[in-house]
Amino acid sequence: MAASESESKASEGSGGTSKVQEAAANLHHPARGGTREVEAVARAYFQAISDRDLDGAVAMWAPGGKEHVRGVIDQPAPEGVRALIGEMLEAMPDMRFEILDTTTEGERCAVRWRLRGTFVGPGRWNGIAPTGNRLTLEGIDLLTVRDGLIRSNDAFSDTMSLPREIGMMPPLHSPAERRMIGAFNVKTQLSHVAIGQARLIATGVWVIQGQPGRCNVYLIEDEGGVTMFDAGARTMVRSLASATAKLGGLRRIVLGHGHTDHRGAAPSFDVPVLCHPDEVQDAEGSGGFRYWPEDLAGLPAPQRQAHRLLHRLAWDGGPVKISGTVKEGDQVAGFTVIDLPGHAPGLIGLWRESDRLALVTDCFYTLDMWGRDCPPHLPLDLYNFDTEQARASLRKLAKLEPAAAWPGHAKPVTGDVRGQLLAAAQES
């Protein structure tokens, strides 16, 4: 919002040129005059704004220059700058900048400033209606000046003080602030219900288990960082971010399959995500809903309602872009990929021959539909792409004779693993 025409001309001389423009025109060429001229332009710019000389301030910008207020706005000159400054002047008619100090090097001048003004309008500021509050804010602008004109400005302001001073947040250290922080912490605990500690289960392999559904995510030591196998529920993002950082950083994610409760945290990490070619459609799409019964028909009513909510609100982080694919025989962080289709068309597991460890996502379950521990069994028919194929994959896994088989949820199978898995495959 621009200031009025009368305001923008308030500091003009009789010839129609503002004092700020005249001062800028009289500056030496920065390339010849050095840092003093760069600083002079920076100081003149802030003075123009304090003088409510909108035209003069905008005229000090090179066309196409960029005003970047961190976390707020990124606008080109001249019109974007005019809108930004004009909005501030309309929101705070008595706004003034005080330059606290400057540091100049080459073409760049850092200005530490203090802004004072009263938020009385008539204009809004960032969409907020005037509150009448008196404001005092501090920040730093880093201006690049070349040939007497501003080419860019990176502004860093005290974004926490602003909402406090206009009344959107309670005063610092006040009882109201303590209550607000307490309420926020409760919300965080409720919305991120993951068990946050990674547990070492084998050489170079950790598991993090999170709720709801006791989802297992595996972190495998890999060239100074870790590879994540399966991405669990989106409620686990913070726990996974913490664990992967402590283990050297996340290198990539390999999805055992693309269902909602196994791709959930993947979109939150900026790393390559891989899966079997037959899982790309679901990882990047519905997360399994394309072949499940509509509205999960077939589940008892209470479970159906609960699962529909869990898929949408707790498990699924949404579609994830797949960077590449893996298939049987490929190597992943010292493990060999094995194809175990059935529950999902491209479900894979990871097998390590040296200690006979199998990480097999939802090839089988060791919990029932209420989340209680139980012997290993095939996933429920309605959640399977092909139950008979899933049965064959379970037999294939049993023939490897694992020492331990870790599923996508709950506890592992140990002891007579082969016998337990074959028994599960025979169940109707």
Foldseek 3Di string as FASTA:
>chain_A
DADDPCQLQVQPDPVSHHPLQVVLVPADFCVPPPFVLLVVLVVSLQVCLQSSNLVSNLVQADFQAWEAEPPQDIDTPDPRVRVQSRLVCQQFVNKHKDFPDWDTDGQKIKTKIKIWTFRPGVHDHSPHHGQRFTDIWIWIWIFGDHRSHTRYIYIYIDVVRVCCRRVVQPDPPDPRNVVVVVVVVVVLCVQQFWDQDWDDDDVQKTWTFGDDQRFIWIWGDDDQFTEIEFDFALSNQVSVQVVRVVSRHYAEYEYLAQAQRRCHNVQVDDHAYEYAPQRLPLLQDVRQPVQFPVLNPPDPPVLSVVVVCCSPRIRGNHHDHHDYYDAAQDDDNQWGWYAQAKLGRGRIWTAHLVQLEIEGAQLWDQADSVGHGHQTAHPDPSSIPHNLSSLVSLLVSLVSQGQWYHYRRDDIDHDRSSVSSNVRSPDD
